[in-house]
Amino acid sequence: MASELKTLIAGILDANASMAMICVTHDGRDAEILANRLWYLDGSPAQLQWDDAIGEPSLISDLLGKLRDSEGVDLV
């Protein structure tokens, strides 16, 4: 079901290039499929640690790993 939802969302975004959408996920693979910009929040209360456009979606998981390691976030 999650795969179908990601496919549906990606299709909507492709068909409406000027549309903005915020997806919240803890899974880098989801972000690789859907994101063109990444906001990374961490801390308590959460604060913005990263905000940048994503040129290569395939690099998101690697970037998230580096951000999590540098901030001491436990990988689940």
N, C-alpha and C. Protein backbone atom coordinates (compact mmCIF):
# COMPACT_ATOMS: atom_id res chain seq x y z
N MET A 1 0.81 -1.18 0.00
CA MET A 1 0.00 0.00 0.00
C MET A 1 0.87 1.27 0.00
N ALA A 2 1.95 1.27 0.78
CA ALA A 2 2.83 2.43 0.81
C ALA A 2 3.46 2.67 -0.55
N SER A 3 3.82 1.61 -1.24
CA SER A 3 4.41 1.73 -2.57
C SER A 3 3.42 2.36 -3.54
N GLU A 4 2.17 1.96 -3.46
CA GLU A 4 1.14 2.54 -4.32
C GLU A 4 0.97 4.02 -4.03
N LEU A 5 0.99 4.40 -2.75
CA LEU A 5 0.84 5.79 -2.37
C LEU A 5 2.01 6.63 -2.89
N LYS A 6 3.24 6.11 -2.77
CA LYS A 6 4.41 6.84 -3.28
C LYS A 6 4.32 7.02 -4.79
N THR A 7 3.86 5.99 -5.50
CA THR A 7 3.71 6.08 -6.95
C THR A 7 2.66 7.12 -7.30
N LEU A 8 1.55 7.13 -6.59
CA LEU A 8 0.48 8.11 -6.82
C LEU A 8 0.98 9.54 -6.58
N ILE A 9 1.66 9.75 -5.46
CA ILE A 9 2.19 11.08 -5.14
C ILE A 9 3.20 11.53 -6.19
N ALA A 10 4.10 10.65 -6.58
CA ALA A 10 5.11 10.99 -7.59
C ALA A 10 4.42 11.37 -8.90
N GLY A 11 3.38 10.66 -9.29
CA GLY A 11 2.64 10.97 -10.51
C GLY A 11 1.97 12.33 -10.44
N ILE A 12 1.38 12.64 -9.28
CA ILE A 12 0.75 13.95 -9.10
C ILE A 12 1.79 15.06 -9.20
N LEU A 13 2.93 14.88 -8.56
CA LEU A 13 3.99 15.89 -8.61
C LEU A 13 4.54 16.05 -10.03
N ASP A 14 4.71 14.96 -10.76
CA ASP A 14 5.20 15.03 -12.14
C ASP A 14 4.22 15.78 -13.03
N ALA A 15 2.93 15.57 -12.81
CA ALA A 15 1.90 16.20 -13.63
C ALA A 15 1.68 17.67 -13.27
N ASN A 16 2.12 18.08 -12.10
CA ASN A 16 1.90 19.45 -11.61
C ASN A 16 3.22 20.01 -11.11
N ALA A 17 4.09 20.34 -12.04
CA ALA A 17 5.46 20.73 -11.68
C ALA A 17 5.53 21.96 -10.76
N SER A 18 4.55 22.84 -10.82
CA SER A 18 4.59 24.04 -9.99
C SER A 18 3.97 23.81 -8.60
N MET A 19 3.42 22.63 -8.37
CA MET A 19 2.79 22.33 -7.09
C MET A 19 3.83 22.10 -6.00
N ALA A 20 3.55 22.60 -4.81
CA ALA A 20 4.42 22.37 -3.66
C ALA A 20 3.75 21.36 -2.72
N MET A 21 4.56 20.51 -2.11
CA MET A 21 4.03 19.54 -1.16
C MET A 21 5.11 19.25 -0.13
N ILE A 22 4.69 19.10 1.11
CA ILE A 22 5.62 18.72 2.18
C ILE A 22 5.29 17.29 2.59
N CYS A 23 6.28 16.42 2.52
CA CYS A 23 6.14 15.03 2.98
C CYS A 23 7.08 14.86 4.16
N VAL A 24 6.58 14.31 5.22
CA VAL A 24 7.40 14.03 6.39
C VAL A 24 7.68 12.53 6.41
N THR A 25 8.96 12.17 6.47
CA THR A 25 9.32 10.77 6.49
C THR A 25 10.59 10.57 7.32
N HIS A 26 10.75 9.37 7.82
CA HIS A 26 11.97 8.98 8.51
C HIS A 26 12.77 8.02 7.64
N ASP A 27 12.28 7.78 6.42
CA ASP A 27 12.87 6.80 5.52
C ASP A 27 13.52 7.52 4.33
N GLY A 28 14.83 7.46 4.25
CA GLY A 28 15.55 8.10 3.15
C GLY A 28 15.12 7.61 1.79
N ARG A 29 14.69 6.35 1.70
CA ARG A 29 14.24 5.81 0.40
C ARG A 29 12.98 6.52 -0.07
N ASP A 30 12.09 6.88 0.86
CA ASP A 30 10.91 7.65 0.49
C ASP A 30 11.32 9.01 -0.06
N ALA A 31 12.25 9.65 0.61
CA ALA A 31 12.72 10.96 0.18
C ALA A 31 13.38 10.88 -1.19
N GLU A 32 14.11 9.80 -1.47
CA GLU A 32 14.75 9.65 -2.78
C GLU A 32 13.72 9.60 -3.90
N ILE A 33 12.57 9.03 -3.62
CA ILE A 33 11.52 8.91 -4.64
C ILE A 33 10.79 10.23 -4.84
N LEU A 34 10.55 10.97 -3.76
CA LEU A 34 9.64 12.11 -3.82
C LEU A 34 10.29 13.49 -3.72
N ALA A 35 11.46 13.59 -3.14
CA ALA A 35 11.99 14.92 -2.77
C ALA A 35 12.79 15.59 -3.87
N ASN A 36 12.66 16.91 -3.92
CA ASN A 36 13.58 17.73 -4.71
C ASN A 36 14.26 18.77 -3.80
N ARG A 37 13.87 18.75 -2.53
CA ARG A 37 14.48 19.59 -1.50
C ARG A 37 14.40 18.82 -0.19
N LEU A 38 15.41 18.98 0.64
CA LEU A 38 15.45 18.24 1.91
C LEU A 38 15.57 19.22 3.07
N TRP A 39 14.66 19.08 4.00
CA TRP A 39 14.76 19.77 5.29
C TRP A 39 15.03 18.69 6.31
N TYR A 40 16.07 18.85 7.09
CA TYR A 40 16.41 17.87 8.12
C TYR A 40 16.29 18.55 9.46
N LEU A 41 15.41 18.00 10.31
CA LEU A 41 15.19 18.54 11.65
C LEU A 41 15.73 17.56 12.67
N ASP A 42 16.30 18.11 13.76
CA ASP A 42 16.84 17.27 14.81
C ASP A 42 16.81 18.07 16.11
N GLY A 43 16.82 17.37 17.22
CA GLY A 43 16.88 18.00 18.53
C GLY A 43 15.53 17.99 19.23
N SER A 44 15.54 18.53 20.42
CA SER A 44 14.32 18.60 21.21
C SER A 44 14.29 19.94 21.93
N PRO A 45 13.51 20.88 21.51
CA PRO A 45 12.58 20.78 20.38
C PRO A 45 13.35 20.74 19.05
N ALA A 46 12.71 20.16 18.04
CA ALA A 46 13.35 20.01 16.74
C ALA A 46 13.72 21.37 16.15
N GLN A 47 14.92 21.41 15.57
CA GLN A 47 15.40 22.62 14.89
C GLN A 47 15.92 22.22 13.53
N LEU A 48 15.79 23.13 12.59
CA LEU A 48 16.26 22.88 11.23
C LEU A 48 17.78 22.78 11.21
N GLN A 49 18.29 21.63 10.75
CA GLN A 49 19.73 21.39 10.66
C GLN A 49 20.24 21.46 9.21
N TRP A 50 19.33 21.25 8.25
CA TRP A 50 19.74 21.22 6.85
C TRP A 50 18.56 21.68 6.00
N ASP A 51 18.83 22.51 5.02
CA ASP A 51 17.80 22.96 4.08
C ASP A 51 18.49 23.24 2.76
N ASP A 52 18.25 22.39 1.78
CA ASP A 52 18.88 22.59 0.49
C ASP A 52 18.16 21.80 -0.58
N ALA A 53 18.28 22.26 -1.81
CA ALA A 53 17.74 21.53 -2.95
C ALA A 53 18.55 20.26 -3.15
N ILE A 54 17.90 19.25 -3.69
CA ILE A 54 18.54 17.96 -3.94
C ILE A 54 18.73 17.81 -5.44
N GLY A 55 19.99 17.81 -5.87
CA GLY A 55 20.28 17.65 -7.28
C GLY A 55 20.23 16.19 -7.71
N GLU A 56 20.74 15.32 -6.88
CA GLU A 56 20.78 13.89 -7.17
C GLU A 56 20.02 13.14 -6.09
N PRO A 57 18.76 12.75 -6.35
CA PRO A 57 17.98 12.04 -5.33
C PRO A 57 18.67 10.79 -4.79
N SER A 58 19.52 10.15 -5.60
CA SER A 58 20.18 8.93 -5.14
C SER A 58 21.17 9.20 -4.01
N LEU A 59 21.50 10.47 -3.77
CA LEU A 59 22.46 10.81 -2.72
C LEU A 59 21.79 11.11 -1.38
N ILE A 60 20.45 11.11 -1.33
CA ILE A 60 19.74 11.49 -0.10
C ILE A 60 20.06 10.55 1.05
N SER A 61 20.01 9.25 0.83
CA SER A 61 20.27 8.31 1.93
C SER A 61 21.67 8.51 2.51
N ASP A 62 22.65 8.75 1.64
CA ASP A 62 24.02 8.99 2.11
C ASP A 62 24.09 10.29 2.91
N LEU A 63 23.43 11.34 2.42
CA LEU A 63 23.39 12.61 3.13
C LEU A 63 22.71 12.46 4.49
N LEU A 64 21.59 11.76 4.53
CA LEU A 64 20.89 11.54 5.79
C LEU A 64 21.77 10.77 6.77
N GLY A 65 22.50 9.78 6.28
CA GLY A 65 23.41 9.04 7.15
C GLY A 65 24.46 9.95 7.77
N LYS A 66 25.03 10.83 6.97
CA LYS A 66 26.04 11.76 7.48
C LYS A 66 25.44 12.74 8.48
N LEU A 67 24.23 13.25 8.18
CA LEU A 67 23.58 14.18 9.11
C LEU A 67 23.26 13.49 10.43
N ARG A 68 22.74 12.28 10.36
CA ARG A 68 22.39 11.55 11.57
C ARG A 68 23.63 11.23 12.39
N ASP A 69 24.71 10.84 11.72
CA ASP A 69 25.96 10.52 12.44
C ASP A 69 26.53 11.76 13.11
N SER A 70 26.50 12.89 12.40
CA SER A 70 27.09 14.10 12.95
C SER A 70 26.27 14.68 14.09
N GLU A 71 24.97 14.39 14.12
CA GLU A 71 24.11 14.94 15.16
C GLU A 71 23.87 13.91 16.27
N GLY A 72 24.39 12.71 16.12
CA GLY A 72 24.22 11.72 17.15
C GLY A 72 22.83 11.09 17.20
N VAL A 73 22.12 11.13 16.06
CA VAL A 73 20.78 10.57 16.00
C VAL A 73 20.89 9.07 15.85
N ASP A 74 20.13 8.32 16.63
CA ASP A 74 20.11 6.86 16.51
C ASP A 74 19.42 6.47 15.22
N LEU A 75 20.06 5.61 14.44
CA LEU A 75 19.44 5.08 13.24
C LEU A 75 18.51 3.96 13.61
N VAL A 76 17.32 4.02 13.09
CA VAL A 76 16.32 2.98 13.41
C VAL A 76 16.25 1.98 12.29
